[in-house]
Amino acid sequence: MSKVRVSSFSVSLDGYGAGPNQSLENPLGIRGPELFKWFFSTRTWQQMHGQNGGTTGVDDDWARRGMENVGAWILGRNMFGPVRGPWPDESWKGWWGEEPPYHVPTFVLTHHPRKPLEMRGGTTFHFVPDGIHSALERAREAAKAKDIRIAGGVSTIRQFLQAGLIDELHLAFRPILMGSGENLFAGLDFRELGYCPREHVSTEHAMHVVLTK
């Protein structure tokens, strides 16, 4: 059975999933790349970006597991790019160049309509102006029997959590303190939302925890 899931989402020990002041120069916010140190070195990440090499082992196992059986993705607009307000034109095509790492239909939450954007490698970005339920319905149709992965960022994941729409949540806790940024946990009661920890394993760079309903 297909699942709606979050995979390989990095958070600091104090709950931040992005640094402050996200911008074109700092797409993950100030110090944001520190959250993904466990991921950037893996073979899976290197392959996603058309490169060779990278580490194997537990962290790479989790990174690879996160990419398996995904039939559609959902992204927040901030994750797609730094453009705010109405789209001035269609020149911005994402952070990833001509071949994004998704390779399946990908639905971008936005308040401003835009035509679908077809990219190399099987990724087509569909821009959804009418909310998370509409995005999920369209993603389910596109994914068929495969999983739908909610990629982020923090605000998007929080919306899906608060609506009770996420079946499985894999968090990679980094042993760092951010102090500020976008906090995933603020005001959320995961027990009240019905989640329990089902799996956990630690490496030098992260503690991987899976929460399910």
N, C-alpha and C. Protein backbone atom coordinates (compact mmCIF):
# COMPACT_ATOMS: atom_id res chain seq x y z
N MET A 1 0.84 -1.20 0.00
CA MET A 1 0.00 0.00 0.00
C MET A 1 0.88 1.25 0.00
N SER A 2 0.50 2.22 -0.81
CA SER A 2 1.32 3.43 -0.90
C SER A 2 1.20 4.25 0.37
N LYS A 3 2.25 5.02 0.66
CA LYS A 3 2.30 5.84 1.86
C LYS A 3 2.59 7.29 1.48
N VAL A 4 2.16 8.19 2.34
CA VAL A 4 2.59 9.58 2.29
C VAL A 4 3.68 9.71 3.34
N ARG A 5 4.88 10.07 2.92
CA ARG A 5 5.99 10.01 3.86
C ARG A 5 6.96 11.18 3.68
N VAL A 6 7.66 11.44 4.78
CA VAL A 6 8.81 12.34 4.79
C VAL A 6 10.03 11.47 5.00
N SER A 7 11.06 11.64 4.20
CA SER A 7 12.26 10.82 4.31
C SER A 7 13.50 11.70 4.30
N SER A 8 14.51 11.29 5.08
CA SER A 8 15.81 11.95 5.07
C SER A 8 15.72 13.44 5.40
N PHE A 9 14.78 13.81 6.25
CA PHE A 9 14.65 15.22 6.60
C PHE A 9 15.50 15.51 7.83
N SER A 10 16.44 16.41 7.67
CA SER A 10 17.42 16.69 8.72
C SER A 10 16.92 17.76 9.67
N VAL A 11 17.13 17.53 10.96
CA VAL A 11 16.80 18.52 11.97
C VAL A 11 17.93 18.58 13.00
N SER A 12 18.08 19.75 13.59
CA SER A 12 19.06 19.90 14.66
C SER A 12 18.49 19.34 15.96
N LEU A 13 19.32 19.24 16.99
CA LEU A 13 18.83 18.75 18.27
C LEU A 13 17.77 19.66 18.87
N ASP A 14 17.80 20.94 18.52
CA ASP A 14 16.78 21.85 19.03
C ASP A 14 15.63 22.04 18.04
N GLY A 15 15.54 21.14 17.05
CA GLY A 15 14.34 21.05 16.24
C GLY A 15 14.28 21.86 14.96
N TYR A 16 15.39 22.49 14.56
CA TYR A 16 15.36 23.34 13.38
C TYR A 16 15.68 22.54 12.11
N GLY A 17 14.83 22.73 11.10
CA GLY A 17 15.02 22.04 9.82
C GLY A 17 15.56 22.94 8.73
N ALA A 18 15.82 24.19 9.04
CA ALA A 18 16.47 25.14 8.13
C ALA A 18 17.03 26.28 8.97
N GLY A 19 18.06 26.91 8.46
CA GLY A 19 18.62 28.06 9.14
C GLY A 19 17.84 29.33 8.84
N PRO A 20 18.14 30.42 9.52
CA PRO A 20 17.46 31.69 9.26
C PRO A 20 17.94 32.34 7.97
N ASN A 21 17.13 33.28 7.47
CA ASN A 21 17.51 34.14 6.35
C ASN A 21 17.80 33.35 5.07
N GLN A 22 16.84 32.52 4.67
CA GLN A 22 16.99 31.82 3.40
C GLN A 22 17.01 32.83 2.25
N SER A 23 17.86 32.56 1.26
CA SER A 23 18.02 33.48 0.14
C SER A 23 18.64 32.72 -1.02
N LEU A 24 18.83 33.43 -2.13
CA LEU A 24 19.49 32.82 -3.28
C LEU A 24 20.88 32.34 -2.91
N GLU A 25 21.59 33.11 -2.07
CA GLU A 25 22.94 32.75 -1.67
C GLU A 25 22.94 31.66 -0.59
N ASN A 26 21.87 31.61 0.21
CA ASN A 26 21.76 30.64 1.30
C ASN A 26 20.41 29.92 1.22
N PRO A 27 20.25 29.00 0.25
CA PRO A 27 18.94 28.37 0.06
C PRO A 27 18.46 27.56 1.25
N LEU A 28 19.36 27.09 2.09
CA LEU A 28 18.98 26.36 3.29
C LEU A 28 19.04 27.25 4.53
N GLY A 29 19.23 28.54 4.33
CA GLY A 29 19.40 29.46 5.44
C GLY A 29 20.83 29.45 5.95
N ILE A 30 21.15 30.42 6.77
CA ILE A 30 22.50 30.49 7.34
C ILE A 30 22.76 29.25 8.19
N ARG A 31 23.86 28.59 7.95
CA ARG A 31 24.28 27.33 8.59
C ARG A 31 23.42 26.13 8.18
N GLY A 32 22.47 26.34 7.28
CA GLY A 32 21.60 25.24 6.87
C GLY A 32 22.33 24.01 6.34
N PRO A 33 23.40 24.18 5.53
CA PRO A 33 24.10 22.99 5.03
C PRO A 33 24.64 22.07 6.11
N GLU A 34 24.89 22.62 7.32
CA GLU A 34 25.36 21.76 8.42
C GLU A 34 24.35 20.68 8.76
N LEU A 35 23.07 20.96 8.53
CA LEU A 35 22.03 19.98 8.83
C LEU A 35 22.14 18.75 7.94
N PHE A 36 22.68 18.91 6.75
CA PHE A 36 22.69 17.83 5.77
C PHE A 36 24.08 17.24 5.54
N LYS A 37 24.97 17.48 6.49
CA LYS A 37 26.33 16.94 6.35
C LYS A 37 26.31 15.43 6.19
N TRP A 38 25.41 14.75 6.89
CA TRP A 38 25.32 13.28 6.80
C TRP A 38 24.94 12.84 5.39
N PHE A 39 24.15 13.66 4.71
CA PHE A 39 23.57 13.29 3.42
C PHE A 39 24.46 13.65 2.25
N PHE A 40 25.08 14.83 2.30
CA PHE A 40 25.84 15.32 1.16
C PHE A 40 27.04 14.44 0.82
N SER A 41 27.53 13.69 1.78
CA SER A 41 28.71 12.86 1.51
C SER A 41 28.37 11.48 0.98
N THR A 42 27.10 11.11 0.91
CA THR A 42 26.73 9.75 0.55
C THR A 42 26.81 9.50 -0.96
N ARG A 43 26.96 8.24 -1.29
CA ARG A 43 26.96 7.84 -2.70
C ARG A 43 25.61 8.17 -3.34
N THR A 44 24.52 7.99 -2.58
CA THR A 44 23.20 8.27 -3.12
C THR A 44 23.08 9.73 -3.56
N TRP A 45 23.56 10.66 -2.72
CA TRP A 45 23.49 12.07 -3.08
C TRP A 45 24.34 12.35 -4.32
N GLN A 46 25.53 11.77 -4.36
CA GLN A 46 26.39 11.97 -5.52
C GLN A 46 25.73 11.47 -6.79
N GLN A 47 25.10 10.30 -6.73
CA GLN A 47 24.43 9.74 -7.91
C GLN A 47 23.24 10.59 -8.33
N MET A 48 22.51 11.13 -7.36
CA MET A 48 21.37 12.00 -7.66
C MET A 48 21.79 13.20 -8.50
N HIS A 49 23.04 13.62 -8.35
CA HIS A 49 23.54 14.80 -9.04
C HIS A 49 24.51 14.44 -10.16
N GLY A 50 24.42 13.18 -10.62
CA GLY A 50 25.21 12.76 -11.77
C GLY A 50 26.69 12.64 -11.53
N GLN A 51 27.07 12.41 -10.26
CA GLN A 51 28.48 12.31 -9.92
C GLN A 51 28.82 10.91 -9.43
N ASN A 52 30.09 10.63 -9.38
CA ASN A 52 30.57 9.34 -8.89
C ASN A 52 31.15 9.49 -7.48
N GLY A 53 31.37 8.35 -6.84
CA GLY A 53 31.98 8.38 -5.52
C GLY A 53 30.94 8.52 -4.44
N GLY A 54 31.38 8.97 -3.27
CA GLY A 54 30.50 9.11 -2.12
C GLY A 54 30.64 7.94 -1.17
N THR A 55 30.20 8.14 0.05
CA THR A 55 30.35 7.14 1.09
C THR A 55 29.22 6.11 1.03
N THR A 56 29.54 4.91 1.49
CA THR A 56 28.52 3.89 1.68
C THR A 56 28.34 3.69 3.19
N GLY A 57 27.51 2.72 3.55
CA GLY A 57 27.29 2.49 4.98
C GLY A 57 25.89 2.90 5.40
N VAL A 58 25.70 3.09 6.69
CA VAL A 58 24.36 3.29 7.24
C VAL A 58 23.71 4.56 6.72
N ASP A 59 24.43 5.68 6.73
CA ASP A 59 23.84 6.92 6.24
C ASP A 59 23.41 6.79 4.78
N ASP A 60 24.25 6.17 3.97
CA ASP A 60 23.88 5.98 2.58
C ASP A 60 22.70 5.03 2.44
N ASP A 61 22.60 4.03 3.30
CA ASP A 61 21.44 3.13 3.27
C ASP A 61 20.15 3.91 3.48
N TRP A 62 20.16 4.84 4.45
CA TRP A 62 18.98 5.65 4.71
C TRP A 62 18.68 6.59 3.56
N ALA A 63 19.70 7.18 2.98
CA ALA A 63 19.50 8.07 1.84
C ALA A 63 18.89 7.31 0.66
N ARG A 64 19.43 6.13 0.41
CA ARG A 64 18.91 5.32 -0.70
C ARG A 64 17.48 4.86 -0.44
N ARG A 65 17.22 4.44 0.79
CA ARG A 65 15.88 4.01 1.17
C ARG A 65 14.86 5.11 0.95
N GLY A 66 15.26 6.34 1.19
CA GLY A 66 14.35 7.46 0.99
C GLY A 66 13.96 7.69 -0.45
N MET A 67 14.77 7.22 -1.40
CA MET A 67 14.50 7.43 -2.82
C MET A 67 13.71 6.27 -3.43
N GLU A 68 13.54 5.19 -2.69
CA GLU A 68 12.90 4.00 -3.26
C GLU A 68 11.38 4.13 -3.27
N ASN A 69 10.76 3.60 -4.31
CA ASN A 69 9.31 3.48 -4.43
C ASN A 69 8.58 4.82 -4.36
N VAL A 70 9.22 5.88 -4.84
CA VAL A 70 8.58 7.20 -4.85
C VAL A 70 7.95 7.43 -6.22
N GLY A 71 6.64 7.67 -6.23
CA GLY A 71 5.94 7.91 -7.48
C GLY A 71 5.61 9.36 -7.73
N ALA A 72 5.70 10.20 -6.69
CA ALA A 72 5.45 11.64 -6.82
C ALA A 72 6.03 12.35 -5.61
N TRP A 73 6.38 13.61 -5.80
CA TRP A 73 6.90 14.45 -4.73
C TRP A 73 5.99 15.67 -4.55
N ILE A 74 5.99 16.22 -3.34
CA ILE A 74 5.34 17.50 -3.06
C ILE A 74 6.37 18.41 -2.39
N LEU A 75 6.52 19.63 -2.94
CA LEU A 75 7.47 20.61 -2.41
C LEU A 75 6.74 21.89 -2.04
N GLY A 76 7.23 22.57 -1.02
CA GLY A 76 6.81 23.94 -0.78
C GLY A 76 7.47 24.86 -1.79
N ARG A 77 6.88 26.00 -2.00
CA ARG A 77 7.43 26.93 -2.99
C ARG A 77 8.83 27.39 -2.61
N ASN A 78 9.09 27.62 -1.32
CA ASN A 78 10.42 28.06 -0.91
C ASN A 78 11.48 27.03 -1.25
N MET A 79 11.09 25.75 -1.24
CA MET A 79 12.06 24.71 -1.60
C MET A 79 12.34 24.71 -3.10
N PHE A 80 11.35 25.14 -3.88
CA PHE A 80 11.55 25.21 -5.33
C PHE A 80 12.46 26.37 -5.69
N GLY A 81 12.38 27.47 -4.95
CA GLY A 81 13.23 28.60 -5.30
C GLY A 81 12.98 29.82 -4.44
N PRO A 82 13.77 30.87 -4.64
CA PRO A 82 13.71 32.07 -3.81
C PRO A 82 12.71 33.12 -4.28
N VAL A 83 12.04 32.87 -5.41
CA VAL A 83 11.13 33.86 -5.97
C VAL A 83 9.90 34.00 -5.07
N ARG A 84 9.49 35.21 -4.74
CA ARG A 84 8.34 35.46 -3.88
C ARG A 84 7.25 36.20 -4.66
N GLY A 85 6.01 36.03 -4.24
CA GLY A 85 4.90 36.72 -4.87
C GLY A 85 4.57 36.14 -6.24
N PRO A 86 3.83 36.88 -7.06
CA PRO A 86 3.51 36.40 -8.42
C PRO A 86 4.78 36.12 -9.22
N TRP A 87 4.71 35.08 -10.04
CA TRP A 87 5.88 34.75 -10.86
C TRP A 87 6.12 35.87 -11.87
N PRO A 88 7.29 36.51 -11.84
CA PRO A 88 7.54 37.60 -12.79
C PRO A 88 7.67 37.08 -14.22
N ASP A 89 8.16 35.86 -14.36
CA ASP A 89 8.29 35.19 -15.64
C ASP A 89 8.54 33.72 -15.33
N GLU A 90 8.90 32.94 -16.33
CA GLU A 90 9.12 31.51 -16.14
C GLU A 90 10.59 31.13 -16.21
N SER A 91 11.47 32.10 -15.94
CA SER A 91 12.90 31.84 -16.07
C SER A 91 13.44 30.96 -14.94
N TRP A 92 12.86 31.07 -13.72
CA TRP A 92 13.36 30.26 -12.62
C TRP A 92 12.83 28.84 -12.75
N LYS A 93 13.75 27.87 -12.81
CA LYS A 93 13.37 26.47 -13.01
C LYS A 93 13.87 25.57 -11.89
N GLY A 94 14.16 26.16 -10.73
CA GLY A 94 14.61 25.37 -9.59
C GLY A 94 16.11 25.48 -9.38
N TRP A 95 16.54 24.91 -8.25
CA TRP A 95 17.95 24.99 -7.85
C TRP A 95 18.84 23.98 -8.59
N TRP A 96 18.26 23.04 -9.34
CA TRP A 96 18.96 21.80 -9.68
C TRP A 96 19.47 21.72 -11.11
N GLY A 97 19.38 22.78 -11.88
CA GLY A 97 19.81 22.71 -13.26
C GLY A 97 18.74 22.08 -14.14
N GLU A 98 19.15 21.62 -15.31
CA GLU A 98 18.20 21.11 -16.29
C GLU A 98 17.65 19.73 -15.95
N GLU A 99 18.32 19.01 -15.05
CA GLU A 99 17.84 17.67 -14.69
C GLU A 99 17.73 17.56 -13.16
N PRO A 100 16.59 17.91 -12.61
CA PRO A 100 16.38 17.82 -11.15
C PRO A 100 16.43 16.36 -10.69
N PRO A 101 16.63 16.12 -9.41
CA PRO A 101 16.84 14.76 -8.91
C PRO A 101 15.56 13.98 -8.64
N TYR A 102 14.40 14.49 -9.06
CA TYR A 102 13.14 13.85 -8.69
C TYR A 102 12.70 12.75 -9.65
N HIS A 103 12.74 13.01 -10.95
CA HIS A 103 12.50 12.00 -11.99
C HIS A 103 11.08 11.46 -12.03
N VAL A 104 10.15 12.11 -11.37
CA VAL A 104 8.74 11.76 -11.39
C VAL A 104 7.94 13.06 -11.29
N PRO A 105 6.61 13.02 -11.46
CA PRO A 105 5.83 14.24 -11.28
C PRO A 105 6.04 14.85 -9.90
N THR A 106 6.24 16.17 -9.86
CA THR A 106 6.56 16.88 -8.62
C THR A 106 5.64 18.09 -8.51
N PHE A 107 4.95 18.18 -7.37
CA PHE A 107 3.91 19.19 -7.19
C PHE A 107 4.40 20.27 -6.22
N VAL A 108 4.36 21.50 -6.68
CA VAL A 108 4.89 22.64 -5.93
C VAL A 108 3.73 23.47 -5.40
N LEU A 109 3.67 23.63 -4.08
CA LEU A 109 2.63 24.46 -3.46
C LEU A 109 2.93 25.94 -3.71
N THR A 110 1.95 26.68 -4.15
CA THR A 110 2.14 28.09 -4.43
C THR A 110 0.79 28.79 -4.37
N HIS A 111 0.79 30.09 -4.12
CA HIS A 111 -0.44 30.87 -4.19
C HIS A 111 -0.65 31.47 -5.57
N HIS A 112 0.30 31.26 -6.47
CA HIS A 112 0.27 31.93 -7.77
C HIS A 112 0.40 30.91 -8.89
N PRO A 113 -0.61 30.78 -9.76
CA PRO A 113 -0.58 29.77 -10.82
C PRO A 113 0.61 29.93 -11.77
N ARG A 114 1.00 28.80 -12.32
CA ARG A 114 2.06 28.79 -13.32
C ARG A 114 1.90 27.52 -14.15
N LYS A 115 2.27 27.57 -15.41
CA LYS A 115 2.16 26.41 -16.28
C LYS A 115 3.12 25.30 -15.82
N PRO A 116 2.76 24.03 -16.06
CA PRO A 116 3.69 22.94 -15.74
C PRO A 116 5.04 23.13 -16.44
N LEU A 117 6.08 22.68 -15.77
CA LEU A 117 7.45 22.84 -16.26
C LEU A 117 8.08 21.47 -16.42
N GLU A 118 8.29 21.05 -17.65
CA GLU A 118 8.87 19.74 -17.93
C GLU A 118 10.39 19.87 -18.02
N MET A 119 11.10 19.02 -17.26
CA MET A 119 12.55 19.06 -17.21
C MET A 119 13.11 17.73 -17.70
N ARG A 120 14.42 17.67 -17.85
CA ARG A 120 15.07 16.44 -18.26
C ARG A 120 14.96 15.37 -17.17
N GLY A 121 15.02 14.12 -17.58
CA GLY A 121 15.10 13.02 -16.62
C GLY A 121 13.78 12.59 -16.02
N GLY A 122 12.66 13.10 -16.57
CA GLY A 122 11.36 12.63 -16.09
C GLY A 122 10.67 13.52 -15.07
N THR A 123 11.32 14.60 -14.62
CA THR A 123 10.69 15.51 -13.67
C THR A 123 9.80 16.51 -14.41
N THR A 124 8.55 16.59 -14.00
CA THR A 124 7.68 17.69 -14.42
C THR A 124 7.16 18.38 -13.18
N PHE A 125 7.41 19.67 -13.06
CA PHE A 125 6.91 20.45 -11.94
C PHE A 125 5.49 20.94 -12.26
N HIS A 126 4.57 20.61 -11.36
CA HIS A 126 3.19 21.08 -11.47
C HIS A 126 2.94 22.05 -10.32
N PHE A 127 2.44 23.23 -10.61
CA PHE A 127 2.27 24.26 -9.60
C PHE A 127 0.82 24.28 -9.13
N VAL A 128 0.65 24.08 -7.82
CA VAL A 128 -0.69 23.87 -7.25
C VAL A 128 -1.06 25.06 -6.37
N PRO A 129 -2.01 25.90 -6.80
CA PRO A 129 -2.36 27.10 -6.04
C PRO A 129 -3.49 26.91 -5.03
N ASP A 130 -4.08 25.70 -4.96
CA ASP A 130 -5.28 25.53 -4.14
C ASP A 130 -5.09 24.58 -2.97
N GLY A 131 -3.87 24.55 -2.38
CA GLY A 131 -3.69 23.93 -1.09
C GLY A 131 -3.17 22.51 -1.08
N ILE A 132 -2.89 22.03 0.15
CA ILE A 132 -2.22 20.74 0.32
C ILE A 132 -3.11 19.58 -0.05
N HIS A 133 -4.42 19.67 0.18
CA HIS A 133 -5.29 18.55 -0.14
C HIS A 133 -5.38 18.34 -1.66
N SER A 134 -5.45 19.44 -2.38
CA SER A 134 -5.45 19.34 -3.84
C SER A 134 -4.13 18.77 -4.34
N ALA A 135 -3.01 19.24 -3.78
CA ALA A 135 -1.70 18.72 -4.19
C ALA A 135 -1.61 17.23 -3.92
N LEU A 136 -2.09 16.80 -2.75
CA LEU A 136 -2.03 15.38 -2.41
C LEU A 136 -2.91 14.55 -3.33
N GLU A 137 -4.09 15.04 -3.64
CA GLU A 137 -4.97 14.30 -4.55
C GLU A 137 -4.32 14.13 -5.92
N ARG A 138 -3.72 15.18 -6.43
CA ARG A 138 -3.06 15.10 -7.73
C ARG A 138 -1.83 14.20 -7.66
N ALA A 139 -1.10 14.26 -6.55
CA ALA A 139 0.08 13.41 -6.40
C ALA A 139 -0.31 11.94 -6.31
N ARG A 140 -1.40 11.64 -5.61
CA ARG A 140 -1.86 10.25 -5.53
C ARG A 140 -2.17 9.70 -6.91
N GLU A 141 -2.84 10.51 -7.70
CA GLU A 141 -3.19 10.07 -9.05
C GLU A 141 -1.94 9.83 -9.89
N ALA A 142 -0.96 10.72 -9.75
CA ALA A 142 0.27 10.58 -10.54
C ALA A 142 1.13 9.42 -10.06
N ALA A 143 1.15 9.18 -8.75
CA ALA A 143 2.03 8.15 -8.17
C ALA A 143 1.51 6.74 -8.38
N LYS A 144 0.22 6.62 -8.67
CA LYS A 144 -0.44 5.32 -8.81
C LYS A 144 -0.27 4.53 -7.52
N ALA A 145 0.41 3.40 -7.54
CA ALA A 145 0.53 2.59 -6.32
C ALA A 145 1.80 2.89 -5.52
N LYS A 146 2.58 3.84 -5.98
CA LYS A 146 3.83 4.15 -5.29
C LYS A 146 3.62 5.21 -4.21
N ASP A 147 4.69 5.46 -3.43
CA ASP A 147 4.61 6.40 -2.32
C ASP A 147 4.66 7.84 -2.81
N ILE A 148 4.14 8.73 -1.97
CA ILE A 148 4.24 10.17 -2.19
C ILE A 148 5.18 10.71 -1.13
N ARG A 149 6.22 11.39 -1.56
CA ARG A 149 7.21 11.91 -0.62
C ARG A 149 7.03 13.42 -0.46
N ILE A 150 6.82 13.84 0.78
CA ILE A 150 6.74 15.27 1.10
C ILE A 150 8.15 15.74 1.38
N ALA A 151 8.69 16.55 0.48
CA ALA A 151 10.11 16.89 0.56
C ALA A 151 10.40 18.02 1.54
N GLY A 152 9.47 18.91 1.75
CA GLY A 152 9.73 20.06 2.61
C GLY A 152 9.41 21.33 1.88
N GLY A 153 9.76 22.47 2.43
CA GLY A 153 10.50 22.60 3.65
C GLY A 153 9.68 22.44 4.92
N VAL A 154 10.16 23.07 5.99
CA VAL A 154 9.56 22.90 7.30
C VAL A 154 8.08 23.27 7.30
N SER A 155 7.73 24.42 6.75
CA SER A 155 6.34 24.88 6.76
C SER A 155 5.43 23.88 6.06
N THR A 156 5.89 23.32 4.95
CA THR A 156 5.08 22.35 4.21
C THR A 156 4.87 21.09 5.03
N ILE A 157 5.93 20.57 5.63
CA ILE A 157 5.79 19.36 6.44
C ILE A 157 4.85 19.62 7.62
N ARG A 158 4.95 20.77 8.25
CA ARG A 158 4.08 21.09 9.37
C ARG A 158 2.61 21.13 8.94
N GLN A 159 2.35 21.66 7.77
CA GLN A 159 0.97 21.69 7.28
C GLN A 159 0.41 20.29 7.11
N PHE A 160 1.20 19.41 6.53
CA PHE A 160 0.74 18.03 6.31
C PHE A 160 0.61 17.28 7.63
N LEU A 161 1.52 17.53 8.58
CA LEU A 161 1.40 16.92 9.90
C LEU A 161 0.13 17.37 10.61
N GLN A 162 -0.10 18.66 10.62
CA GLN A 162 -1.27 19.21 11.32
C GLN A 162 -2.58 18.71 10.72
N ALA A 163 -2.56 18.40 9.43
CA ALA A 163 -3.75 17.87 8.77
C ALA A 163 -3.86 16.35 8.90
N GLY A 164 -2.88 15.72 9.55
CA GLY A 164 -2.92 14.27 9.75
C GLY A 164 -2.70 13.46 8.49
N LEU A 165 -1.92 13.99 7.57
CA LEU A 165 -1.81 13.36 6.25
C LEU A 165 -0.52 12.57 6.04
N ILE A 166 0.41 12.61 6.99
CA ILE A 166 1.69 11.91 6.83
C ILE A 166 1.64 10.58 7.57
N ASP A 167 1.95 9.50 6.85
CA ASP A 167 1.94 8.16 7.43
C ASP A 167 3.25 7.82 8.12
N GLU A 168 4.36 8.30 7.57
CA GLU A 168 5.67 7.93 8.08
C GLU A 168 6.62 9.11 7.97
N LEU A 169 7.40 9.29 9.03
CA LEU A 169 8.31 10.43 9.11
C LEU A 169 9.69 9.94 9.50
N HIS A 170 10.67 10.06 8.58
CA HIS A 170 12.05 9.72 8.88
C HIS A 170 12.83 11.02 9.09
N LEU A 171 13.28 11.21 10.32
CA LEU A 171 14.07 12.39 10.68
C LEU A 171 15.51 11.98 10.94
N ALA A 172 16.43 12.77 10.42
CA ALA A 172 17.86 12.56 10.68
C ALA A 172 18.31 13.67 11.62
N PHE A 173 18.44 13.34 12.90
CA PHE A 173 18.85 14.33 13.90
C PHE A 173 20.36 14.54 13.84
N ARG A 174 20.74 15.78 13.56
CA ARG A 174 22.16 16.12 13.53
C ARG A 174 22.60 16.59 14.92
N PRO A 175 23.77 16.20 15.38
CA PRO A 175 24.24 16.60 16.72
C PRO A 175 24.78 18.02 16.74
N ILE A 176 23.90 18.96 16.38
CA ILE A 176 24.25 20.38 16.40
C ILE A 176 23.06 21.15 16.97
N LEU A 177 23.32 22.38 17.43
CA LEU A 177 22.29 23.30 17.88
C LEU A 177 22.28 24.50 16.93
N MET A 178 21.10 24.81 16.37
CA MET A 178 21.00 25.93 15.44
C MET A 178 20.65 27.23 16.16
N GLY A 179 19.79 27.15 17.16
CA GLY A 179 19.41 28.33 17.91
C GLY A 179 18.30 29.15 17.28
N SER A 180 18.25 29.19 15.95
CA SER A 180 17.20 29.94 15.25
C SER A 180 17.03 29.34 13.86
N GLY A 181 15.99 29.77 13.18
CA GLY A 181 15.67 29.23 11.87
C GLY A 181 14.21 28.81 11.84
N GLU A 182 13.91 27.74 11.12
CA GLU A 182 12.55 27.22 11.02
C GLU A 182 12.46 25.95 11.87
N ASN A 183 11.61 26.00 12.90
CA ASN A 183 11.52 24.89 13.84
C ASN A 183 10.38 23.96 13.46
N LEU A 184 10.73 22.70 13.27
CA LEU A 184 9.73 21.70 12.88
C LEU A 184 8.77 21.37 14.01
N PHE A 185 9.24 21.40 15.25
CA PHE A 185 8.47 20.88 16.37
C PHE A 185 7.62 21.90 17.10
N ALA A 186 7.86 23.18 16.89
CA ALA A 186 7.21 24.22 17.69
C ALA A 186 5.69 24.08 17.66
N GLY A 187 5.10 23.90 18.84
CA GLY A 187 3.65 23.85 18.95
C GLY A 187 3.00 22.55 18.52
N LEU A 188 3.78 21.54 18.12
CA LEU A 188 3.21 20.27 17.69
C LEU A 188 3.35 19.22 18.79
N ASP A 189 2.30 18.46 19.02
CA ASP A 189 2.31 17.35 19.96
C ASP A 189 2.25 16.06 19.15
N PHE A 190 3.41 15.44 18.94
CA PHE A 190 3.46 14.28 18.07
C PHE A 190 2.68 13.09 18.64
N ARG A 191 2.64 12.96 19.94
CA ARG A 191 1.83 11.90 20.55
C ARG A 191 0.35 12.14 20.29
N GLU A 192 -0.07 13.38 20.44
CA GLU A 192 -1.47 13.72 20.19
C GLU A 192 -1.82 13.50 18.71
N LEU A 193 -0.86 13.73 17.84
CA LEU A 193 -1.08 13.50 16.41
C LEU A 193 -1.07 12.02 16.06
N GLY A 194 -0.67 11.16 17.01
CA GLY A 194 -0.76 9.72 16.80
C GLY A 194 0.52 9.03 16.41
N TYR A 195 1.67 9.71 16.53
CA TYR A 195 2.93 9.12 16.09
C TYR A 195 3.66 8.40 17.23
N CYS A 196 4.34 7.33 16.86
CA CYS A 196 5.19 6.58 17.78
C CYS A 196 6.52 6.32 17.09
N PRO A 197 7.65 6.32 17.85
CA PRO A 197 8.93 5.94 17.26
C PRO A 197 8.97 4.44 17.00
N ARG A 198 9.29 4.06 15.77
CA ARG A 198 9.29 2.65 15.38
C ARG A 198 10.68 2.09 15.09
N GLU A 199 11.61 3.00 14.83
CA GLU A 199 12.94 2.53 14.40
C GLU A 199 13.93 3.66 14.68
N HIS A 200 15.15 3.29 15.11
CA HIS A 200 16.18 4.31 15.25
C HIS A 200 17.56 3.65 15.18
N VAL A 201 18.48 4.40 14.62
CA VAL A 201 19.86 3.95 14.55
C VAL A 201 20.74 5.18 14.46
N SER A 202 21.92 5.12 15.08
CA SER A 202 22.82 6.28 15.11
C SER A 202 24.10 6.00 14.34
N THR A 203 24.63 7.04 13.75
CA THR A 203 25.93 7.00 13.09
C THR A 203 26.75 8.18 13.63
N GLU A 204 27.94 8.34 13.09
CA GLU A 204 28.79 9.46 13.50
C GLU A 204 28.12 10.80 13.19
N HIS A 205 27.32 10.84 12.13
CA HIS A 205 26.82 12.12 11.65
C HIS A 205 25.35 12.38 11.97
N ALA A 206 24.58 11.35 12.31
CA ALA A 206 23.14 11.56 12.52
C ALA A 206 22.53 10.41 13.31
N MET A 207 21.40 10.71 13.97
CA MET A 207 20.58 9.65 14.53
C MET A 207 19.30 9.59 13.69
N HIS A 208 19.07 8.46 13.06
CA HIS A 208 17.92 8.29 12.18
C HIS A 208 16.77 7.72 12.99
N VAL A 209 15.64 8.42 12.95
CA VAL A 209 14.45 8.02 13.71
C VAL A 209 13.26 7.97 12.75
N VAL A 210 12.49 6.88 12.82
CA VAL A 210 11.28 6.75 12.04
C VAL A 210 10.08 6.80 12.98
N LEU A 211 9.16 7.73 12.69
CA LEU A 211 7.91 7.84 13.41
C LEU A 211 6.78 7.40 12.49
N THR A 212 5.88 6.57 12.99
CA THR A 212 4.72 6.14 12.22
C THR A 212 3.48 6.22 13.07
N LYS A 213 2.34 6.18 12.42
CA LYS A 213 1.06 6.13 13.13
C LYS A 213 0.69 4.70 13.42
